[in-house]
Amino acid sequence: AAFISIQAFPALLDLPQELEVSAVSCGSRHTAAVTRGGELYTWGWGKYGQLGHGNNSSSDQARRVEHLVVEGLRVEEVVCGPWTTYIRV
């Protein structure tokens, strides 16, 4: 099982420098960020598939949700619940 660092205080986002983030939402143990280009990046606890990577893996590193890119979907908004992630495209 992956160790997931839980931040109890504000922290800088560790994303590639060329990305401009337009929105961020936090669940109870995961985070999602939308870029100005409409890409979704998620990281944290993924036990229930809330990271959107097609598995139940957790990750301390932000990863782009590739399924949305493959489908040609541009994310406009993201909202995280305790164990869920909702997007508006």
C-alpha atoms as a PDB file:
ATOM      1  CA  ALA A   1       0.000   0.000   0.000  1.00  0.00           C
ATOM      2  CA  ALA A   2       1.242   3.475  -0.877  1.00  0.00           C
ATOM      3  CA  PHE A   3       1.977   5.961   1.887  1.00  0.00           C
ATOM      4  CA  ILE A   4      -0.068   9.111   1.388  1.00  0.00           C
ATOM      5  CA  SER A   5       1.073  12.276   3.094  1.00  0.00           C
ATOM      6  CA  ILE A   6      -1.856  14.177   4.633  1.00  0.00           C
ATOM      7  CA  GLN A   7      -1.313  17.945   4.750  1.00  0.00           C
ATOM      8  CA  ALA A   8      -2.871  19.713   7.737  1.00  0.00           C
ATOM      9  CA  PHE A   9      -1.714  23.100   6.440  1.00  0.00           C
ATOM     10  CA  PRO A  10      -1.549  24.905   3.061  1.00  0.00           C
ATOM     11  CA  ALA A  11       1.019  23.493   0.653  1.00  0.00           C
ATOM     12  CA  LEU A  12       2.333  24.444  -2.782  1.00  0.00           C
ATOM     13  CA  LEU A  13       1.019  22.380  -5.673  1.00  0.00           C
ATOM     14  CA  ASP A  14       3.701  20.231  -7.250  1.00  0.00           C
ATOM     15  CA  LEU A  15       2.701  20.407 -10.919  1.00  0.00           C
ATOM     16  CA  PRO A  16       4.765  20.880 -14.071  1.00  0.00           C
ATOM     17  CA  GLN A  17       5.790  24.545 -14.241  1.00  0.00           C
ATOM     18  CA  GLU A  18       4.179  25.230 -17.626  1.00  0.00           C
ATOM     19  CA  LEU A  19       0.677  24.395 -16.311  1.00  0.00           C
ATOM     20  CA  GLU A  20      -1.647  27.158 -15.169  1.00  0.00           C
ATOM     21  CA  VAL A  21      -4.193  25.950 -12.627  1.00  0.00           C
ATOM     22  CA  SER A  22      -7.670  27.472 -12.832  1.00  0.00           C
ATOM     23  CA  ALA A  23      -9.430  25.465 -10.084  1.00  0.00           C
ATOM     24  CA  VAL A  24      -8.598  23.167  -7.173  1.00  0.00           C
ATOM     25  CA  SER A  25     -10.855  21.050  -4.987  1.00  0.00           C
ATOM     26  CA  CYS A  26     -10.004  18.876  -1.999  1.00  0.00           C
ATOM     27  CA  GLY A  27     -11.747  15.749  -0.766  1.00  0.00           C
ATOM     28  CA  SER A  28     -11.095  14.185   2.599  1.00  0.00           C
ATOM     29  CA  ARG A  29      -7.843  12.578   1.392  1.00  0.00           C
ATOM     30  CA  HIS A  30      -7.453  13.519  -2.264  1.00  0.00           C
ATOM     31  CA  THR A  31      -7.068  16.648  -4.371  1.00  0.00           C
ATOM     32  CA  ALA A  32      -7.970  17.555  -7.947  1.00  0.00           C
ATOM     33  CA  ALA A  33      -6.789  20.486 -10.051  1.00  0.00           C
ATOM     34  CA  VAL A  34      -8.066  21.760 -13.399  1.00  0.00           C
ATOM     35  CA  THR A  35      -5.660  23.536 -15.731  1.00  0.00           C
ATOM     36  CA  ARG A  36      -6.534  26.484 -17.961  1.00  0.00           C
ATOM     37  CA  GLY A  37      -6.191  24.018 -20.848  1.00  0.00           C
ATOM     38  CA  GLY A  38      -8.999  21.858 -19.411  1.00  0.00           C
ATOM     39  CA  GLU A  39      -6.885  18.966 -18.139  1.00  0.00           C
ATOM     40  CA  LEU A  40      -7.601  17.293 -14.799  1.00  0.00           C
ATOM     41  CA  TYR A  41      -4.795  16.304 -12.416  1.00  0.00           C
ATOM     42  CA  THR A  42      -5.504  14.265  -9.277  1.00  0.00           C
ATOM     43  CA  TRP A  43      -3.518  12.874  -6.375  1.00  0.00           C
ATOM     44  CA  GLY A  44      -3.947  11.459  -2.868  1.00  0.00           C
ATOM     45  CA  TRP A  45      -5.915   8.467  -1.588  1.00  0.00           C
ATOM     46  CA  GLY A  46      -7.534   6.484  -4.404  1.00  0.00           C
ATOM     47  CA  LYS A  47      -9.134   3.479  -2.668  1.00  0.00           C
ATOM     48  CA  TYR A  48     -12.549   4.077  -4.271  1.00  0.00           C
ATOM     49  CA  GLY A  49     -11.314   5.131  -7.728  1.00  0.00           C
ATOM     50  CA  GLN A  50     -11.882   8.817  -6.945  1.00  0.00           C
ATOM     51  CA  LEU A  51      -8.646   9.821  -8.677  1.00  0.00           C
ATOM     52  CA  GLY A  52     -10.102   8.794 -12.046  1.00  0.00           C
ATOM     53  CA  HIS A  53      -7.147   6.738 -13.288  1.00  0.00           C
ATOM     54  CA  GLY A  54      -9.142   3.533 -13.794  1.00  0.00           C
ATOM     55  CA  ASN A  55      -7.810   1.822 -10.672  1.00  0.00           C
ATOM     56  CA  ASN A  56      -7.836   2.059  -6.874  1.00  0.00           C
ATOM     57  CA  SER A  57      -4.208   3.182  -6.549  1.00  0.00           C
ATOM     58  CA  SER A  58      -3.122   6.108  -4.406  1.00  0.00           C
ATOM     59  CA  SER A  59      -0.462   8.626  -5.416  1.00  0.00           C
ATOM     60  CA  ASP A  60       1.395  11.476  -3.724  1.00  0.00           C
ATOM     61  CA  GLN A  61       2.270  12.846  -7.182  1.00  0.00           C
ATOM     62  CA  ALA A  62      -0.227  14.754  -9.307  1.00  0.00           C
ATOM     63  CA  ARG A  63      -1.140  12.728 -12.398  1.00  0.00           C
ATOM     64  CA  ARG A  64      -3.154  13.796 -15.419  1.00  0.00           C
ATOM     65  CA  VAL A  65      -6.405  11.856 -15.905  1.00  0.00           C
ATOM     66  CA  GLU A  66      -5.601  10.381 -19.316  1.00  0.00           C
ATOM     67  CA  HIS A  67      -9.088   9.001 -20.027  1.00  0.00           C
ATOM     68  CA  LEU A  68     -10.445  12.529 -20.360  1.00  0.00           C
ATOM     69  CA  VAL A  69      -7.668  13.471 -22.803  1.00  0.00           C
ATOM     70  CA  VAL A  70      -8.264  10.345 -24.918  1.00  0.00           C
ATOM     71  CA  GLU A  71     -11.994  11.140 -25.089  1.00  0.00           C
ATOM     72  CA  GLY A  72     -11.237  14.740 -26.088  1.00  0.00           C
ATOM     73  CA  LEU A  73     -13.019  16.155 -23.030  1.00  0.00           C
ATOM     74  CA  ARG A  74     -12.123  19.567 -21.632  1.00  0.00           C
ATOM     75  CA  VAL A  75     -12.799  19.928 -17.898  1.00  0.00           C
ATOM     76  CA  GLU A  76     -14.410  23.214 -16.874  1.00  0.00           C
ATOM     77  CA  GLU A  77     -14.985  22.581 -13.168  1.00  0.00           C
ATOM     78  CA  VAL A  78     -14.142  20.025 -10.468  1.00  0.00           C
ATOM     79  CA  VAL A  79     -15.698  19.340  -7.073  1.00  0.00           C
ATOM     80  CA  CYS A  80     -14.378  16.693  -4.676  1.00  0.00           C
ATOM     81  CA  GLY A  81     -16.496  14.977  -2.050  1.00  0.00           C
ATOM     82  CA  PRO A  82     -15.167  12.793   0.780  1.00  0.00           C
ATOM     83  CA  TRP A  83     -14.535   9.806  -1.552  1.00  0.00           C
ATOM     84  CA  THR A  84     -15.675  11.167  -4.922  1.00  0.00           C
ATOM     85  CA  THR A  85     -14.621  13.546  -7.681  1.00  0.00           C
ATOM     86  CA  TYR A  86     -17.150  15.256  -9.958  1.00  0.00           C
ATOM     87  CA  ILE A  87     -16.311  17.194 -13.103  1.00  0.00           C
ATOM     88  CA  ARG A  88     -18.225  19.464 -15.464  1.00  0.00           C
ATOM     89  CA  VAL A  89     -17.050  19.296 -19.079  1.00  0.00           C
END
